[in-house]
Protein backbone atom coordinates (compact mmCIF):
# COMPACT_ATOMS: atom_id res chain seq x y z
CA UNK A 1 74.57 108.05 88.77
CA UNK A 2 77.28 107.06 91.24
CA UNK A 3 80.04 105.00 89.68
CA UNK A 4 81.60 102.06 91.52
CA UNK A 5 85.22 103.07 90.80
CA UNK A 6 86.95 106.44 90.84
CA UNK A 7 88.03 106.29 87.18
CA UNK A 8 84.97 104.50 85.82
CA UNK A 9 83.21 106.41 83.07
CA UNK A 10 79.45 107.13 83.21
CA UNK A 11 77.57 104.12 81.90
CA UNK A 12 80.75 102.05 81.52
CA UNK A 13 80.43 98.34 82.29
CA UNK A 14 82.72 96.77 84.84
CA UNK A 15 84.07 94.49 82.13
CA UNK A 16 85.07 97.42 79.92
CA UNK A 17 86.49 99.37 82.87
CA UNK A 18 88.61 96.36 83.88
CA UNK A 19 90.04 96.05 80.38
CA UNK A 20 90.65 99.80 80.10
CA UNK A 21 92.14 100.59 83.53
CA UNK A 22 92.80 97.48 85.62
CA UNK A 23 94.28 94.67 83.51
CA UNK A 24 98.07 95.14 83.11
CA UNK A 25 99.37 96.06 79.67
CA UNK A 26 101.77 93.81 77.79
CA UNK A 27 104.61 96.26 78.53
CA UNK A 28 103.81 96.19 82.24
CA UNK A 29 103.74 92.40 82.29
CA UNK A 30 107.11 92.19 80.54
CA UNK A 31 108.68 94.80 82.82
CA UNK A 32 107.24 93.10 85.87
CA UNK A 33 108.59 89.74 84.72
CA UNK A 34 112.04 91.20 84.04
CA UNK A 35 112.30 92.80 87.48
CA UNK A 36 111.10 89.62 89.17
CA UNK A 37 113.61 87.49 87.28
CA UNK A 38 116.45 89.81 88.36
CA UNK A 39 115.62 89.21 92.02
CA UNK A 40 115.14 85.47 91.50
CA UNK A 41 118.61 85.20 89.93
CA UNK A 42 120.04 87.09 92.87
CA UNK A 43 118.43 84.73 95.38
CA UNK A 44 119.59 81.66 93.48
CA UNK A 45 123.19 82.75 94.03
CA UNK A 46 122.92 82.39 97.81
CA UNK A 47 125.19 79.54 98.95
CA UNK A 48 126.18 80.15 102.57
CA UNK A 49 125.33 78.92 105.13
CA UNK A 50 122.39 77.44 103.17
CA UNK A 51 121.90 77.36 99.42
CA UNK A 52 118.62 78.11 97.70
CA UNK A 53 116.80 75.09 96.28
CA UNK A 54 114.20 77.06 94.32
CA UNK A 55 112.32 80.34 94.28
CA UNK A 56 108.61 80.51 93.53
CA UNK A 57 106.66 83.57 92.49
CA UNK A 58 103.75 83.80 94.91
CA UNK A 59 101.18 86.55 95.43
CA UNK A 60 99.59 88.21 92.42
CA UNK A 61 102.59 87.74 90.12
CA UNK A 62 102.58 83.96 90.55
CA UNK A 63 98.81 83.68 90.37
CA UNK A 64 98.29 85.98 87.39
CA UNK A 65 96.14 88.51 89.26
CA UNK A 66 98.38 91.58 89.08
CA UNK A 67 96.78 95.01 88.72
CA UNK A 68 97.87 97.84 86.45
CA UNK A 69 100.05 100.42 88.21
CA UNK A 70 100.24 98.31 91.39
CA UNK A 71 103.52 96.43 91.28
CA UNK A 72 104.01 93.95 94.11
CA UNK A 73 106.57 91.16 93.82
CA UNK A 74 106.11 88.32 96.33
CA UNK A 75 108.74 85.59 96.38
CA UNK A 76 109.31 82.48 98.47
CA UNK A 77 112.89 81.18 98.71
CA UNK A 78 113.10 77.47 99.56
CA UNK A 79 116.43 76.51 101.12
CA UNK A 80 118.39 73.26 100.93
CA UNK A 81 119.44 71.24 103.99
CA UNK A 82 116.37 72.08 106.06
CA UNK A 83 114.87 68.79 107.22
CA UNK A 84 111.77 69.91 109.12
CA UNK A 85 109.76 72.97 110.06
CA UNK A 86 111.76 73.26 113.30
CA UNK A 87 114.87 73.85 111.20
CA UNK A 88 113.11 76.71 109.45
CA UNK A 89 111.97 78.20 112.76
CA UNK A 90 115.47 77.90 114.29
CA UNK A 91 117.33 79.18 111.23
CA UNK A 92 114.89 81.78 109.92
CA UNK A 93 116.97 84.72 111.18
CA UNK A 94 120.07 83.29 109.46
CA UNK A 95 118.10 82.77 106.24
CA UNK A 96 116.72 86.30 106.33
CA UNK A 97 120.25 87.60 106.89
CA UNK A 98 121.41 85.64 103.82
CA UNK A 99 118.63 87.09 101.66
CA UNK A 100 119.28 90.60 102.94
CA UNK A 101 123.01 90.33 102.26
CA UNK A 102 122.53 88.94 98.74
CA UNK A 103 120.16 91.73 97.70
CA UNK A 104 122.43 94.38 99.16
CA UNK A 105 125.52 93.05 97.35
CA UNK A 106 123.89 92.36 93.97
CA UNK A 107 121.24 95.07 93.67
CA UNK A 108 122.19 97.56 96.37
CA UNK A 109 118.82 97.09 98.08
CA UNK A 110 118.21 97.91 101.74
CA UNK A 111 115.00 96.55 103.33
CA UNK A 112 112.28 99.02 104.23
CA UNK A 113 110.90 96.58 106.75
CA UNK A 114 111.90 93.31 108.32
CA UNK A 115 110.02 91.11 110.74
CA UNK A 116 110.66 87.54 111.85
CA UNK A 117 108.99 86.09 108.75
CA UNK A 118 109.65 88.39 105.80
CA UNK A 119 111.83 91.09 104.21
CA UNK A 120 110.15 94.03 102.44
CA UNK A 121 111.78 96.33 99.89
CA UNK A 122 110.96 99.20 97.56
CA UNK A 123 112.85 98.85 94.27
CA UNK A 124 112.12 101.58 91.76
CA UNK A 125 108.29 101.49 91.76
CA UNK A 126 108.09 97.88 92.90
CA UNK A 127 107.20 96.63 96.36
CA UNK A 128 109.10 93.41 97.01
CA UNK A 129 108.36 90.88 99.78
CA UNK A 130 110.61 87.84 100.25
CA UNK A 131 110.16 85.00 102.73
CA UNK A 132 112.37 81.95 103.40
CA UNK A 133 110.70 78.53 103.50
CA UNK A 134 111.17 74.81 103.99
CA UNK A 135 110.13 72.62 101.05
CA UNK A 136 107.67 70.63 103.13
CA UNK A 137 105.66 69.44 100.12
CA UNK A 138 108.69 67.56 98.76
CA UNK A 139 109.32 65.84 102.08
CA UNK A 140 106.00 64.00 102.04
CA UNK A 141 104.25 61.96 99.38
CA UNK A 142 101.08 64.05 99.42
CA UNK A 143 99.60 67.20 100.99
CA UNK A 144 97.42 64.87 103.08
CA UNK A 145 100.52 63.61 104.89
CA UNK A 146 101.67 67.19 105.45
CA UNK A 147 98.37 68.07 107.08
CA UNK A 148 98.53 64.98 109.28
CA UNK A 149 101.96 66.09 110.47
CA UNK A 150 100.68 69.64 111.08
CA UNK A 151 98.13 68.27 113.56
CA UNK A 152 101.01 67.74 115.97
CA UNK A 153 101.45 71.51 116.31
CA UNK A 154 99.32 74.12 118.09
CA UNK A 155 96.89 75.70 115.63
CA UNK A 156 98.55 79.12 115.72
CA UNK A 157 101.95 77.58 114.99
CA UNK A 158 100.50 75.51 112.15
CA UNK A 159 98.82 78.60 110.67
CA UNK A 160 101.85 80.89 110.76
CA UNK A 161 104.95 78.73 110.56
CA UNK A 162 103.80 76.64 107.59
CA UNK A 163 102.28 79.49 105.60
CA UNK A 164 105.22 80.31 103.31
CA UNK A 165 106.14 76.65 102.86
CA UNK A 166 102.64 75.87 101.57
CA UNK A 167 102.63 78.81 99.14
CA UNK A 168 102.96 76.56 96.04
CA UNK A 169 99.50 75.17 96.81
CA UNK A 170 98.12 78.71 97.04
CA UNK A 171 99.54 79.51 93.61
CA UNK A 172 98.24 76.29 92.05
CA UNK A 173 94.78 77.05 93.45
CA UNK A 174 94.49 80.46 91.77
CA UNK A 175 96.75 80.31 88.71
CA UNK A 176 94.64 77.92 86.52
CA UNK A 177 91.44 79.95 87.01
CA UNK A 178 90.04 81.43 83.74
CA UNK A 179 90.93 84.99 82.82
CA UNK A 180 87.31 86.17 83.14
CA UNK A 181 87.40 85.21 86.83
CA UNK A 182 90.79 86.86 87.35
CA UNK A 183 89.33 90.03 85.83
CA UNK A 184 86.77 90.14 88.65
CA UNK A 185 89.48 89.43 91.23
CA UNK A 186 91.46 92.43 89.93
CA UNK A 187 88.38 94.65 90.14
CA UNK A 188 87.76 93.57 93.72
CA UNK A 189 91.37 94.31 94.65
CA UNK A 190 90.99 97.83 93.24
CA UNK A 191 87.68 98.16 95.14
CA UNK A 192 89.29 97.22 98.45
CA UNK A 193 92.22 99.59 97.87
CA UNK A 194 90.03 102.55 96.86
CA UNK A 195 87.91 102.02 99.98
CA UNK A 196 90.92 101.41 102.24
CA UNK A 197 89.63 98.02 103.40
CA UNK A 198 91.84 95.67 105.40
CA UNK A 199 90.59 92.47 103.80
CA UNK A 200 93.41 90.46 102.23
CA UNK A 201 93.76 90.06 98.48
CA UNK A 202 94.04 86.32 99.03
CA UNK A 203 90.66 86.30 100.82
CA UNK A 204 89.14 87.99 97.77
CA UNK A 205 90.76 85.46 95.45
CA UNK A 206 89.41 82.52 97.45
CA UNK A 207 85.91 83.97 97.78
CA UNK A 208 85.64 84.83 94.09
CA UNK A 209 86.80 81.37 92.99
CA UNK A 210 84.46 79.75 95.52
CA UNK A 211 81.43 81.66 94.20
CA UNK A 212 82.40 81.07 90.58
CA UNK A 213 82.81 77.32 91.13
CA UNK A 214 79.66 76.88 93.22
CA UNK A 215 77.11 79.32 91.84
CA UNK A 216 78.06 80.49 88.37
CA UNK A 217 78.32 79.21 84.85
CA UNK A 218 81.71 78.72 83.19
CA UNK A 219 81.67 82.35 82.02
CA UNK A 220 79.17 84.26 84.19
CA UNK A 221 80.21 87.69 82.94
CA UNK A 222 82.29 90.25 84.79
CA UNK A 223 79.40 92.38 86.06
CA UNK A 224 77.39 89.38 87.28
CA UNK A 225 80.24 87.69 89.14
CA UNK A 226 81.35 90.97 90.70
CA UNK A 227 77.82 91.51 91.97
CA UNK A 228 77.63 87.97 93.39
CA UNK A 229 80.87 88.47 95.33
CA UNK A 230 79.65 91.83 96.59
CA UNK A 231 76.44 90.20 97.86
CA UNK A 232 78.51 87.77 99.93
CA UNK A 233 80.72 90.54 101.28
CA UNK A 234 77.63 92.54 102.27
CA UNK A 235 76.89 89.75 104.77
CA UNK A 236 80.57 89.24 105.56
CA UNK A 237 79.85 88.43 109.20
CA UNK A 238 78.20 85.14 108.26
CA UNK A 239 80.73 83.94 105.69
CA UNK A 240 81.69 80.28 105.96
CA UNK A 241 83.93 79.55 102.99
CA UNK A 242 86.06 76.43 102.71
CA UNK A 243 87.06 74.25 99.78
CA UNK A 244 88.13 70.62 99.57
CA UNK A 245 90.90 70.98 96.97
CA UNK A 246 93.69 69.73 99.25
CA UNK A 247 91.95 68.49 102.41
CA UNK A 248 88.51 67.65 103.75
CA UNK A 249 87.47 71.06 105.02
CA UNK A 250 84.74 69.80 107.39
CA UNK A 251 87.47 68.22 109.51
CA UNK A 252 88.79 71.69 110.32
CA UNK A 253 85.69 73.91 110.21
CA UNK A 254 83.61 71.78 112.58
CA UNK A 255 84.46 73.93 115.58
CA UNK A 256 85.47 77.12 113.75
CA UNK A 257 83.56 80.28 114.53
CA UNK A 258 82.20 82.31 111.65
CA UNK A 259 83.12 84.30 109.70
CA UNK A 260 85.92 82.48 107.95
CA UNK A 261 87.48 82.11 104.53
CA UNK A 262 89.78 79.15 104.96
CA UNK A 263 93.05 78.97 103.06
CA UNK A 264 92.78 76.01 100.62
CA UNK A 265 96.49 75.40 101.21
CA UNK A 266 96.52 75.69 105.02
CA UNK A 267 93.55 74.34 107.00
CA UNK A 268 94.58 76.33 110.08
CA UNK A 269 94.64 79.71 108.37
CA UNK A 270 91.45 81.76 108.50
CA UNK A 271 92.29 84.51 106.01
CA UNK A 272 89.65 86.79 107.57
CA UNK A 273 91.47 86.85 110.91
CA UNK A 274 91.96 90.41 112.09
CA UNK A 275 89.74 91.96 109.40
CA UNK A 276 87.19 94.64 110.32
CA UNK A 277 84.18 92.65 109.19
CA UNK A 278 81.64 95.40 109.79
CA UNK A 279 83.62 97.91 107.69
CA UNK A 280 83.85 95.49 104.76
CA UNK A 281 80.16 94.64 105.01
CA UNK A 282 78.99 98.27 105.03
CA UNK A 283 81.19 99.17 102.09
CA UNK A 284 79.86 96.21 100.11
CA UNK A 285 76.29 97.31 100.84
CA UNK A 286 77.03 100.81 99.53
CA UNK A 287 78.57 99.32 96.41
CA UNK A 288 75.54 97.12 95.84
CA UNK A 289 73.30 100.18 96.04
CA UNK A 290 75.46 101.87 93.38
CA UNK A 291 75.25 98.79 91.19
CA UNK A 292 71.46 98.68 91.56
CA UNK A 293 71.18 102.35 90.56
CA UNK A 294 73.28 101.65 87.48
CA UNK A 295 71.00 98.76 86.52
CA UNK A 296 67.90 100.93 86.89
CA UNK A 297 69.39 103.62 84.63
CA UNK A 298 70.42 101.05 82.04
């Protein structure tokens, strides 16, 4: 019988495998938290030419979907004295320079990669990504007003330039989800990594939560929910996934070409953009065949 994961034991359920090999241990969580807090304290010391207003833990660490032995720290640094997104665009190089200088002075870190949006580091065994942002959500009374303002920008600008600044809404979308759903998200992240698939972890998070909220009971079971997500990925080319948590999705998907998994925080961000849809679909079909063989043997 072909197992779904490389380290899955013969006859082992996905639920048991997730608990045994995928869910972080208490020690890992504490170590991860300690390392993250060290970097956050470093960023909070930045004072020139702009001071840091707050730092949020985004990505898997902020959402509670970290995987054992895969240590990625994603942080968003919100700066004071930025009054609009144009300020962020104009000053982003200066802000990145400030972050880079602070981490070099305090922790001796040199970036492995830098682009116009983000700084990337390797620190011990941790991959660290840091992006500067404008606290757009505090400048308006509601996300609705933010989205109205975003309509003034070209779609590509709205998708990319606002992404980091809307990260708190991404975190608040995933973080409250029950642990049994996060367990499936972790499994799917391992699945995409083992099969070298380019689909984003955030796409997987959105899709899993969408299926859980629309098609499943409160606790559908790890194996069942994993299978349901895999069924959707097997027909990835026809995916049309959008949620109404922060905006009325039909307003933005009306003229959008499939496939798409729309960011619940950013109505202009199709998280499937640039993904090899056919590769994901074929891999999901192979996985479904393995799952069906396992069911027959059980």
